Amino acid sequence: FLAALFGAAFFSARGMSAVGVLGIGLVFG
């Protein structure tokens, strides 16, 4: 949960799309 949260928040704050953020969160987690 925390790894996915960190990855998604990091890339979301840098302008990645919502779908991309979810995907990145999954990979991080």
mmCIF file of all heavy atoms, coordinates in Angstrom:
data_MODEL
# 
_entry.id   MODEL 
# 
loop_
_atom_site.group_PDB 
_atom_site.id 
_atom_site.type_symbol 
_atom_site.label_atom_id 
_atom_site.label_alt_id 
_atom_site.label_comp_id 
_atom_site.label_asym_id 
_atom_site.label_entity_id 
_atom_site.label_seq_id 
_atom_site.pdbx_PDB_ins_code 
_atom_site.Cartn_x 
_atom_site.Cartn_y 
_atom_site.Cartn_z 
_atom_site.occupancy 
_atom_site.B_iso_or_equiv 
_atom_site.pdbx_formal_charge 
_atom_site.auth_seq_id 
_atom_site.auth_comp_id 
_atom_site.auth_asym_id 
_atom_site.auth_atom_id 
_atom_site.pdbx_PDB_model_num 
ATOM 1   N N   . PHE A 1 1  ? 0.828  -1.212 0.000   1.00 0.00 ? 1  PHE A N   1 
ATOM 2   C CA  . PHE A 1 1  ? 0.000  0.000  0.000   1.00 0.00 ? 1  PHE A CA  1 
ATOM 3   C C   . PHE A 1 1  ? 0.859  1.259  0.000   1.00 0.00 ? 1  PHE A C   1 
ATOM 4   O O   . PHE A 1 1  ? 0.656  2.175  -0.807  1.00 0.00 ? 1  PHE A O   1 
ATOM 5   C CB  . PHE A 1 1  ? -0.932 -0.014 1.214   1.00 0.00 ? 1  PHE A CB  1 
ATOM 6   C CG  . PHE A 1 1  ? -1.834 1.187  1.304   1.00 0.00 ? 1  PHE A CG  1 
ATOM 7   C CD1 . PHE A 1 1  ? -3.065 1.192  0.669   1.00 0.00 ? 1  PHE A CD1 1 
ATOM 8   C CD2 . PHE A 1 1  ? -1.445 2.316  2.024   1.00 0.00 ? 1  PHE A CD2 1 
ATOM 9   C CE1 . PHE A 1 1  ? -3.904 2.296  0.749   1.00 0.00 ? 1  PHE A CE1 1 
ATOM 10  C CE2 . PHE A 1 1  ? -2.269 3.428  2.101   1.00 0.00 ? 1  PHE A CE2 1 
ATOM 11  C CZ  . PHE A 1 1  ? -3.502 3.408  1.466   1.00 0.00 ? 1  PHE A CZ  1 
ATOM 12  N N   . LEU A 1 2  ? 1.843  1.330  0.904   1.00 0.00 ? 2  LEU A N   1 
ATOM 13  C CA  . LEU A 1 2  ? 2.675  2.526  1.018   1.00 0.00 ? 2  LEU A CA  1 
ATOM 14  C C   . LEU A 1 2  ? 3.578  2.719  -0.188  1.00 0.00 ? 2  LEU A C   1 
ATOM 15  O O   . LEU A 1 2  ? 3.801  3.853  -0.634  1.00 0.00 ? 2  LEU A O   1 
ATOM 16  C CB  . LEU A 1 2  ? 3.511  2.452  2.298   1.00 0.00 ? 2  LEU A CB  1 
ATOM 17  C CG  . LEU A 1 2  ? 2.746  2.615  3.611   1.00 0.00 ? 2  LEU A CG  1 
ATOM 18  C CD1 . LEU A 1 2  ? 3.670  2.383  4.793   1.00 0.00 ? 2  LEU A CD1 1 
ATOM 19  C CD2 . LEU A 1 2  ? 2.116  4.002  3.691   1.00 0.00 ? 2  LEU A CD2 1 
ATOM 20  N N   . ALA A 1 3  ? 4.107  1.628  -0.723  1.00 0.00 ? 3  ALA A N   1 
ATOM 21  C CA  . ALA A 1 3  ? 4.961  1.740  -1.913  1.00 0.00 ? 3  ALA A CA  1 
ATOM 22  C C   . ALA A 1 3  ? 4.156  2.257  -3.097  1.00 0.00 ? 3  ALA A C   1 
ATOM 23  O O   . ALA A 1 3  ? 4.615  3.128  -3.852  1.00 0.00 ? 3  ALA A O   1 
ATOM 24  C CB  . ALA A 1 3  ? 5.591  0.387  -2.244  1.00 0.00 ? 3  ALA A CB  1 
ATOM 25  N N   . ALA A 1 4  ? 2.937  1.734  -3.279  1.00 0.00 ? 4  ALA A N   1 
ATOM 26  C CA  . ALA A 1 4  ? 2.080  2.202  -4.362  1.00 0.00 ? 4  ALA A CA  1 
ATOM 27  C C   . ALA A 1 4  ? 1.698  3.663  -4.152  1.00 0.00 ? 4  ALA A C   1 
ATOM 28  O O   . ALA A 1 4  ? 1.672  4.463  -5.100  1.00 0.00 ? 4  ALA A O   1 
ATOM 29  C CB  . ALA A 1 4  ? 0.831  1.331  -4.456  1.00 0.00 ? 4  ALA A CB  1 
ATOM 30  N N   . LEU A 1 5  ? 1.392  4.020  -2.920  1.00 0.00 ? 5  LEU A N   1 
ATOM 31  C CA  . LEU A 1 5  ? 1.052  5.410  -2.595  1.00 0.00 ? 5  LEU A CA  1 
ATOM 32  C C   . LEU A 1 5  ? 2.211  6.342  -2.930  1.00 0.00 ? 5  LEU A C   1 
ATOM 33  O O   . LEU A 1 5  ? 2.014  7.384  -3.565  1.00 0.00 ? 5  LEU A O   1 
ATOM 34  C CB  . LEU A 1 5  ? 0.693  5.509  -1.112  1.00 0.00 ? 5  LEU A CB  1 
ATOM 35  C CG  . LEU A 1 5  ? 0.226  6.864  -0.572  1.00 0.00 ? 5  LEU A CG  1 
ATOM 36  C CD1 . LEU A 1 5  ? -0.675 6.650  0.647   1.00 0.00 ? 5  LEU A CD1 1 
ATOM 37  C CD2 . LEU A 1 5  ? 1.398  7.772  -0.181  1.00 0.00 ? 5  LEU A CD2 1 
ATOM 38  N N   . PHE A 1 6  ? 3.417  5.964  -2.520  1.00 0.00 ? 6  PHE A N   1 
ATOM 39  C CA  . PHE A 1 6  ? 4.589  6.811  -2.771  1.00 0.00 ? 6  PHE A CA  1 
ATOM 40  C C   . PHE A 1 6  ? 4.818  7.007  -4.270  1.00 0.00 ? 6  PHE A C   1 
ATOM 41  O O   . PHE A 1 6  ? 5.003  8.123  -4.745  1.00 0.00 ? 6  PHE A O   1 
ATOM 42  C CB  . PHE A 1 6  ? 5.824  6.203  -2.129  1.00 0.00 ? 6  PHE A CB  1 
ATOM 43  C CG  . PHE A 1 6  ? 7.085  6.954  -2.443  1.00 0.00 ? 6  PHE A CG  1 
ATOM 44  C CD1 . PHE A 1 6  ? 7.382  8.133  -1.782  1.00 0.00 ? 6  PHE A CD1 1 
ATOM 45  C CD2 . PHE A 1 6  ? 7.968  6.493  -3.407  1.00 0.00 ? 6  PHE A CD2 1 
ATOM 46  C CE1 . PHE A 1 6  ? 8.536  8.851  -2.081  1.00 0.00 ? 6  PHE A CE1 1 
ATOM 47  C CE2 . PHE A 1 6  ? 9.119  7.202  -3.706  1.00 0.00 ? 6  PHE A CE2 1 
ATOM 48  C CZ  . PHE A 1 6  ? 9.408  8.382  -3.039  1.00 0.00 ? 6  PHE A CZ  1 
ATOM 49  N N   . GLY A 1 7  ? 4.818  5.897  -5.014  1.00 0.00 ? 7  GLY A N   1 
ATOM 50  C CA  . GLY A 1 7  ? 5.068  5.996  -6.441  1.00 0.00 ? 7  GLY A CA  1 
ATOM 51  C C   . GLY A 1 7  ? 4.013  6.814  -7.161  1.00 0.00 ? 7  GLY A C   1 
ATOM 52  O O   . GLY A 1 7  ? 4.326  7.661  -8.014  1.00 0.00 ? 7  GLY A O   1 
ATOM 53  N N   . ALA A 1 8  ? 2.744  6.593  -6.819  1.00 0.00 ? 8  ALA A N   1 
ATOM 54  C CA  . ALA A 1 8  ? 1.658  7.320  -7.476  1.00 0.00 ? 8  ALA A CA  1 
ATOM 55  C C   . ALA A 1 8  ? 1.713  8.805  -7.140  1.00 0.00 ? 8  ALA A C   1 
ATOM 56  O O   . ALA A 1 8  ? 1.551  9.664  -8.017  1.00 0.00 ? 8  ALA A O   1 
ATOM 57  C CB  . ALA A 1 8  ? 0.315  6.722  -7.058  1.00 0.00 ? 8  ALA A CB  1 
ATOM 58  N N   . ALA A 1 9  ? 1.940  9.128  -5.861  1.00 0.00 ? 9  ALA A N   1 
ATOM 59  C CA  . ALA A 1 9  ? 2.000  10.530 -5.449  1.00 0.00 ? 9  ALA A CA  1 
ATOM 60  C C   . ALA A 1 9  ? 3.162  11.249 -6.118  1.00 0.00 ? 9  ALA A C   1 
ATOM 61  O O   . ALA A 1 9  ? 3.032  12.398 -6.556  1.00 0.00 ? 9  ALA A O   1 
ATOM 62  C CB  . ALA A 1 9  ? 2.114  10.624 -3.931  1.00 0.00 ? 9  ALA A CB  1 
ATOM 63  N N   . PHE A 1 10 ? 4.288  10.566 -6.208  1.00 0.00 ? 10 PHE A N   1 
ATOM 64  C CA  . PHE A 1 10 ? 5.479  11.183 -6.794  1.00 0.00 ? 10 PHE A CA  1 
ATOM 65  C C   . PHE A 1 10 ? 5.237  11.566 -8.249  1.00 0.00 ? 10 PHE A C   1 
ATOM 66  O O   . PHE A 1 10 ? 5.523  12.681 -8.674  1.00 0.00 ? 10 PHE A O   1 
ATOM 67  C CB  . PHE A 1 10 ? 6.661  10.222 -6.679  1.00 0.00 ? 10 PHE A CB  1 
ATOM 68  C CG  . PHE A 1 10 ? 7.946  10.787 -7.211  1.00 0.00 ? 10 PHE A CG  1 
ATOM 69  C CD1 . PHE A 1 10 ? 8.745  11.587 -6.421  1.00 0.00 ? 10 PHE A CD1 1 
ATOM 70  C CD2 . PHE A 1 10 ? 8.351  10.518 -8.511  1.00 0.00 ? 10 PHE A CD2 1 
ATOM 71  C CE1 . PHE A 1 10 ? 9.931  12.115 -6.914  1.00 0.00 ? 10 PHE A CE1 1 
ATOM 72  C CE2 . PHE A 1 10 ? 9.529  11.047 -9.013  1.00 0.00 ? 10 PHE A CE2 1 
ATOM 73  C CZ  . PHE A 1 10 ? 10.321 11.849 -8.209  1.00 0.00 ? 10 PHE A CZ  1 
ATOM 74  N N   . PHE A 1 11 ? 4.681  10.641 -9.036  1.00 0.00 ? 11 PHE A N   1 
ATOM 75  C CA  . PHE A 1 11 ? 4.486  10.922 -10.453 1.00 0.00 ? 11 PHE A CA  1 
ATOM 76  C C   . PHE A 1 11 ? 3.236  11.765 -10.703 1.00 0.00 ? 11 PHE A C   1 
ATOM 77  O O   . PHE A 1 11 ? 3.180  12.529 -11.669 1.00 0.00 ? 11 PHE A O   1 
ATOM 78  C CB  . PHE A 1 11 ? 4.430  9.613  -11.243 1.00 0.00 ? 11 PHE A CB  1 
ATOM 79  C CG  . PHE A 1 11 ? 5.796  9.067  -11.556 1.00 0.00 ? 11 PHE A CG  1 
ATOM 80  C CD1 . PHE A 1 11 ? 6.407  8.170  -10.712 1.00 0.00 ? 11 PHE A CD1 1 
ATOM 81  C CD2 . PHE A 1 11 ? 6.478  9.473  -12.685 1.00 0.00 ? 11 PHE A CD2 1 
ATOM 82  C CE1 . PHE A 1 11 ? 7.677  7.683  -10.974 1.00 0.00 ? 11 PHE A CE1 1 
ATOM 83  C CE2 . PHE A 1 11 ? 7.752  9.001  -12.977 1.00 0.00 ? 11 PHE A CE2 1 
ATOM 84  C CZ  . PHE A 1 11 ? 8.352  8.093  -12.117 1.00 0.00 ? 11 PHE A CZ  1 
ATOM 85  N N   . SER A 1 12 ? 2.226  11.656 -9.848  1.00 0.00 ? 12 SER A N   1 
ATOM 86  C CA  . SER A 1 12 ? 1.054  12.505 -9.987  1.00 0.00 ? 12 SER A CA  1 
ATOM 87  C C   . SER A 1 12 ? 1.419  13.966 -9.785  1.00 0.00 ? 12 SER A C   1 
ATOM 88  O O   . SER A 1 12 ? 0.960  14.842 -10.514 1.00 0.00 ? 12 SER A O   1 
ATOM 89  C CB  . SER A 1 12 ? -0.023 12.089 -8.977  1.00 0.00 ? 12 SER A CB  1 
ATOM 90  O OG  . SER A 1 12 ? -1.150 12.923 -9.068  1.00 0.00 ? 12 SER A OG  1 
ATOM 91  N N   . ALA A 1 13 ? 2.266  14.234 -8.802  1.00 0.00 ? 13 ALA A N   1 
ATOM 92  C CA  . ALA A 1 13 ? 2.707  15.603 -8.533  1.00 0.00 ? 13 ALA A CA  1 
ATOM 93  C C   . ALA A 1 13 ? 3.516  16.169 -9.682  1.00 0.00 ? 13 ALA A C   1 
ATOM 94  O O   . ALA A 1 13 ? 3.691  17.389 -9.784  1.00 0.00 ? 13 ALA A O   1 
ATOM 95  C CB  . ALA A 1 13 ? 3.524  15.648 -7.244  1.00 0.00 ? 13 ALA A CB  1 
ATOM 96  N N   . ARG A 1 14 ? 3.997  15.312 -10.565 1.00 0.00 ? 14 ARG A N   1 
ATOM 97  C CA  . ARG A 1 14 ? 4.799  15.747 -11.702 1.00 0.00 ? 14 ARG A CA  1 
ATOM 98  C C   . ARG A 1 14 ? 4.033  15.679 -13.010 1.00 0.00 ? 14 ARG A C   1 
ATOM 99  O O   . ARG A 1 14 ? 4.611  15.685 -14.089 1.00 0.00 ? 14 ARG A O   1 
ATOM 100 C CB  . ARG A 1 14 ? 6.098  14.928 -11.759 1.00 0.00 ? 14 ARG A CB  1 
ATOM 101 C CG  . ARG A 1 14 ? 7.077  15.395 -10.686 1.00 0.00 ? 14 ARG A CG  1 
ATOM 102 C CD  . ARG A 1 14 ? 8.017  14.321 -10.208 1.00 0.00 ? 14 ARG A CD  1 
ATOM 103 N NE  . ARG A 1 14 ? 8.905  14.856 -9.182  1.00 0.00 ? 14 ARG A NE  1 
ATOM 104 C CZ  . ARG A 1 14 ? 8.556  15.063 -7.916  1.00 0.00 ? 14 ARG A CZ  1 
ATOM 105 N NH1 . ARG A 1 14 ? 7.320  14.761 -7.516  1.00 0.00 ? 14 ARG A NH1 1 
ATOM 106 N NH2 . ARG A 1 14 ? 9.390  15.565 -7.038  1.00 0.00 ? 14 ARG A NH2 1 
ATOM 107 N N   . GLY A 1 15 ? 2.695  15.606 -12.913 1.00 0.00 ? 15 GLY A N   1 
ATOM 108 C CA  . GLY A 1 15 ? 1.849  15.795 -14.081 1.00 0.00 ? 15 GLY A CA  1 
ATOM 109 C C   . GLY A 1 15 ? 1.492  14.563 -14.875 1.00 0.00 ? 15 GLY A C   1 
ATOM 110 O O   . GLY A 1 15 ? 0.939  14.676 -15.970 1.00 0.00 ? 15 GLY A O   1 
ATOM 111 N N   . MET A 1 16 ? 1.753  13.371 -14.381 1.00 0.00 ? 16 MET A N   1 
ATOM 112 C CA  . MET A 1 16 ? 1.390  12.166 -15.112 1.00 0.00 ? 16 MET A CA  1 
ATOM 113 C C   . MET A 1 16 ? -0.122 11.990 -15.121 1.00 0.00 ? 16 MET A C   1 
ATOM 114 O O   . MET A 1 16 ? -0.812 12.397 -14.182 1.00 0.00 ? 16 MET A O   1 
ATOM 115 C CB  . MET A 1 16 ? 2.077  10.939 -14.505 1.00 0.00 ? 16 MET A CB  1 
ATOM 116 C CG  . MET A 1 16 ? 1.774  9.627  -15.212 1.00 0.00 ? 16 MET A CG  1 
ATOM 117 S SD  . MET A 1 16 ? 2.768  8.234  -14.613 1.00 0.00 ? 16 MET A SD  1 
ATOM 118 C CE  . MET A 1 16 ? 4.324  8.552  -15.454 1.00 0.00 ? 16 MET A CE  1 
ATOM 119 N N   . SER A 1 17 ? -0.661 11.387 -16.165 1.00 0.00 ? 17 SER A N   1 
ATOM 120 C CA  . SER A 1 17 ? -2.098 11.167 -16.281 1.00 0.00 ? 17 SER A CA  1 
ATOM 121 C C   . SER A 1 17 ? -2.591 10.217 -15.197 1.00 0.00 ? 17 SER A C   1 
ATOM 122 O O   . SER A 1 17 ? -1.810 9.468  -14.595 1.00 0.00 ? 17 SER A O   1 
ATOM 123 C CB  . SER A 1 17 ? -2.435 10.581 -17.650 1.00 0.00 ? 17 SER A CB  1 
ATOM 124 O OG  . SER A 1 17 ? -1.930 9.262  -17.763 1.00 0.00 ? 17 SER A OG  1 
ATOM 125 N N   . ALA A 1 18 ? -3.904 10.220 -14.962 1.00 0.00 ? 18 ALA A N   1 
ATOM 126 C CA  . ALA A 1 18 ? -4.486 9.380  -13.915 1.00 0.00 ? 18 ALA A CA  1 
ATOM 127 C C   . ALA A 1 18 ? -4.230 7.898  -14.174 1.00 0.00 ? 18 ALA A C   1 
ATOM 128 O O   . ALA A 1 18 ? -3.900 7.140  -13.261 1.00 0.00 ? 18 ALA A O   1 
ATOM 129 C CB  . ALA A 1 18 ? -5.988 9.647  -13.804 1.00 0.00 ? 18 ALA A CB  1 
ATOM 130 N N   . VAL A 1 19 ? -4.370 7.482  -15.439 1.00 0.00 ? 19 VAL A N   1 
ATOM 131 C CA  . VAL A 1 19 ? -4.127 6.079  -15.778 1.00 0.00 ? 19 VAL A CA  1 
ATOM 132 C C   . VAL A 1 19 ? -2.659 5.725  -15.558 1.00 0.00 ? 19 VAL A C   1 
ATOM 133 O O   . VAL A 1 19 ? -2.333 4.662  -15.007 1.00 0.00 ? 19 VAL A O   1 
ATOM 134 C CB  . VAL A 1 19 ? -4.533 5.793  -17.240 1.00 0.00 ? 19 VAL A CB  1 
ATOM 135 C CG1 . VAL A 1 19 ? -4.141 4.367  -17.638 1.00 0.00 ? 19 VAL A CG1 1 
ATOM 136 C CG2 . VAL A 1 19 ? -6.031 6.002  -17.431 1.00 0.00 ? 19 VAL A CG2 1 
ATOM 137 N N   . GLY A 1 20 ? -1.785 6.613  -15.962 1.00 0.00 ? 20 GLY A N   1 
ATOM 138 C CA  . GLY A 1 20 ? -0.364 6.372  -15.758 1.00 0.00 ? 20 GLY A CA  1 
ATOM 139 C C   . GLY A 1 20 ? -0.002 6.287  -14.288 1.00 0.00 ? 20 GLY A C   1 
ATOM 140 O O   . GLY A 1 20 ? 0.806  5.448  -13.884 1.00 0.00 ? 20 GLY A O   1 
ATOM 141 N N   . VAL A 1 21 ? -0.618 7.147  -13.488 1.00 0.00 ? 21 VAL A N   1 
ATOM 142 C CA  . VAL A 1 21 ? -0.366 7.142  -12.049 1.00 0.00 ? 21 VAL A CA  1 
ATOM 143 C C   . VAL A 1 21 ? -0.769 5.813  -11.426 1.00 0.00 ? 21 VAL A C   1 
ATOM 144 O O   . VAL A 1 21 ? -0.045 5.247  -10.601 1.00 0.00 ? 21 VAL A O   1 
ATOM 145 C CB  . VAL A 1 21 ? -1.112 8.313  -11.367 1.00 0.00 ? 21 VAL A CB  1 
ATOM 146 C CG1 . VAL A 1 21 ? -1.175 8.115  -9.856  1.00 0.00 ? 21 VAL A CG1 1 
ATOM 147 C CG2 . VAL A 1 21 ? -0.425 9.631  -11.691 1.00 0.00 ? 21 VAL A CG2 1 
ATOM 148 N N   . LEU A 1 22 ? -1.931 5.297  -11.820 1.00 0.00 ? 22 LEU A N   1 
ATOM 149 C CA  . LEU A 1 22 ? -2.376 4.005  -11.290 1.00 0.00 ? 22 LEU A CA  1 
ATOM 150 C C   . LEU A 1 22 ? -1.413 2.895  -11.687 1.00 0.00 ? 22 LEU A C   1 
ATOM 151 O O   . LEU A 1 22 ? -1.079 2.019  -10.882 1.00 0.00 ? 22 LEU A O   1 
ATOM 152 C CB  . LEU A 1 22 ? -3.786 3.683  -11.788 1.00 0.00 ? 22 LEU A CB  1 
ATOM 153 C CG  . LEU A 1 22 ? -4.924 4.521  -11.206 1.00 0.00 ? 22 LEU A CG  1 
ATOM 154 C CD1 . LEU A 1 22 ? -6.246 4.108  -11.822 1.00 0.00 ? 22 LEU A CD1 1 
ATOM 155 C CD2 . LEU A 1 22 ? -4.985 4.379  -9.693  1.00 0.00 ? 22 LEU A CD2 1 
ATOM 156 N N   . GLY A 1 23 ? -0.968 2.927  -12.946 1.00 0.00 ? 23 GLY A N   1 
ATOM 157 C CA  . GLY A 1 23 ? -0.033 1.910  -13.411 1.00 0.00 ? 23 GLY A CA  1 
ATOM 158 C C   . GLY A 1 23 ? 1.288  1.971  -12.679 1.00 0.00 ? 23 GLY A C   1 
ATOM 159 O O   . GLY A 1 23 ? 1.831  0.937  -12.260 1.00 0.00 ? 23 GLY A O   1 
ATOM 160 N N   . ILE A 1 24 ? 1.801  3.188  -12.506 1.00 0.00 ? 24 ILE A N   1 
ATOM 161 C CA  . ILE A 1 24 ? 3.066  3.359  -11.786 1.00 0.00 ? 24 ILE A CA  1 
ATOM 162 C C   . ILE A 1 24 ? 2.926  2.909  -10.347 1.00 0.00 ? 24 ILE A C   1 
ATOM 163 O O   . ILE A 1 24 ? 3.816  2.273  -9.771  1.00 0.00 ? 24 ILE A O   1 
ATOM 164 C CB  . ILE A 1 24 ? 3.520  4.827  -11.853 1.00 0.00 ? 24 ILE A CB  1 
ATOM 165 C CG1 . ILE A 1 24 ? 3.960  5.180  -13.276 1.00 0.00 ? 24 ILE A CG1 1 
ATOM 166 C CG2 . ILE A 1 24 ? 4.655  5.097  -10.865 1.00 0.00 ? 24 ILE A CG2 1 
ATOM 167 C CD1 . ILE A 1 24 ? 5.126  4.371  -13.790 1.00 0.00 ? 24 ILE A CD1 1 
ATOM 168 N N   . GLY A 1 25 ? 1.770  3.231  -9.735  1.00 0.00 ? 25 GLY A N   1 
ATOM 169 C CA  . GLY A 1 25 ? 1.532  2.793  -8.368  1.00 0.00 ? 25 GLY A CA  1 
ATOM 170 C C   . GLY A 1 25 ? 1.558  1.282  -8.243  1.00 0.00 ? 25 GLY A C   1 
ATOM 171 O O   . GLY A 1 25 ? 2.130  0.733  -7.290  1.00 0.00 ? 25 GLY A O   1 
ATOM 172 N N   . LEU A 1 26 ? 0.951  0.604  -9.205  1.00 0.00 ? 26 LEU A N   1 
ATOM 173 C CA  . LEU A 1 26 ? 0.958  -0.866 -9.192  1.00 0.00 ? 26 LEU A CA  1 
ATOM 174 C C   . LEU A 1 26 ? 2.379  -1.410 -9.288  1.00 0.00 ? 26 LEU A C   1 
ATOM 175 O O   . LEU A 1 26 ? 2.749  -2.352 -8.574  1.00 0.00 ? 26 LEU A O   1 
ATOM 176 C CB  . LEU A 1 26 ? 0.119  -1.405 -10.350 1.00 0.00 ? 26 LEU A CB  1 
ATOM 177 C CG  . LEU A 1 26 ? -1.395 -1.413 -10.166 1.00 0.00 ? 26 LEU A CG  1 
ATOM 178 C CD1 . LEU A 1 26 ? -2.085 -1.824 -11.465 1.00 0.00 ? 26 LEU A CD1 1 
ATOM 179 C CD2 . LEU A 1 26 ? -1.792 -2.362 -9.045  1.00 0.00 ? 26 LEU A CD2 1 
ATOM 180 N N   . VAL A 1 27 ? 3.176  -0.823 -10.180 1.00 0.00 ? 27 VAL A N   1 
ATOM 181 C CA  . VAL A 1 27 ? 4.555  -1.308 -10.358 1.00 0.00 ? 27 VAL A CA  1 
ATOM 182 C C   . VAL A 1 27 ? 5.381  -1.051 -9.101  1.00 0.00 ? 27 VAL A C   1 
ATOM 183 O O   . VAL A 1 27 ? 6.137  -1.921 -8.650  1.00 0.00 ? 27 VAL A O   1 
ATOM 184 C CB  . VAL A 1 27 ? 5.210  -0.648 -11.580 1.00 0.00 ? 27 VAL A CB  1 
ATOM 185 C CG1 . VAL A 1 27 ? 6.677  -1.072 -11.698 1.00 0.00 ? 27 VAL A CG1 1 
ATOM 186 C CG2 . VAL A 1 27 ? 4.463  -1.021 -12.852 1.00 0.00 ? 27 VAL A CG2 1 
ATOM 187 N N   . PHE A 1 28 ? 5.234  0.145  -8.527  1.00 0.00 ? 28 PHE A N   1 
ATOM 188 C CA  . PHE A 1 28 ? 5.951  0.448  -7.291  1.00 0.00 ? 28 PHE A CA  1 
ATOM 189 C C   . PHE A 1 28 ? 5.543  -0.501 -6.170  1.00 0.00 ? 28 PHE A C   1 
ATOM 190 O O   . PHE A 1 28 ? 6.374  -0.984 -5.397  1.00 0.00 ? 28 PHE A O   1 
ATOM 191 C CB  . PHE A 1 28 ? 5.671  1.893  -6.853  1.00 0.00 ? 28 PHE A CB  1 
ATOM 192 C CG  . PHE A 1 28 ? 6.783  2.850  -7.158  1.00 0.00 ? 28 PHE A CG  1 
ATOM 193 C CD1 . PHE A 1 28 ? 6.665  3.753  -8.202  1.00 0.00 ? 28 PHE A CD1 1 
ATOM 194 C CD2 . PHE A 1 28 ? 7.934  2.862  -6.396  1.00 0.00 ? 28 PHE A CD2 1 
ATOM 195 C CE1 . PHE A 1 28 ? 7.683  4.649  -8.488  1.00 0.00 ? 28 PHE A CE1 1 
ATOM 196 C CE2 . PHE A 1 28 ? 8.964  3.755  -6.665  1.00 0.00 ? 28 PHE A CE2 1 
ATOM 197 C CZ  . PHE A 1 28 ? 8.837  4.650  -7.720  1.00 0.00 ? 28 PHE A CZ  1 
ATOM 198 N N   . GLY A 1 29 ? 4.243  -0.756 -6.070  1.00 0.00 ? 29 GLY A N   1 
ATOM 199 C CA  . GLY A 1 29 ? 3.752  -1.569 -4.972  1.00 0.00 ? 29 GLY A CA  1 
ATOM 200 C C   . GLY A 1 29 ? 4.079  -3.042 -5.100  1.00 0.00 ? 29 GLY A C   1 
ATOM 201 O O   . GLY A 1 29 ? 4.357  -3.716 -4.101  1.00 0.00 ? 29 GLY A O   1 
# 
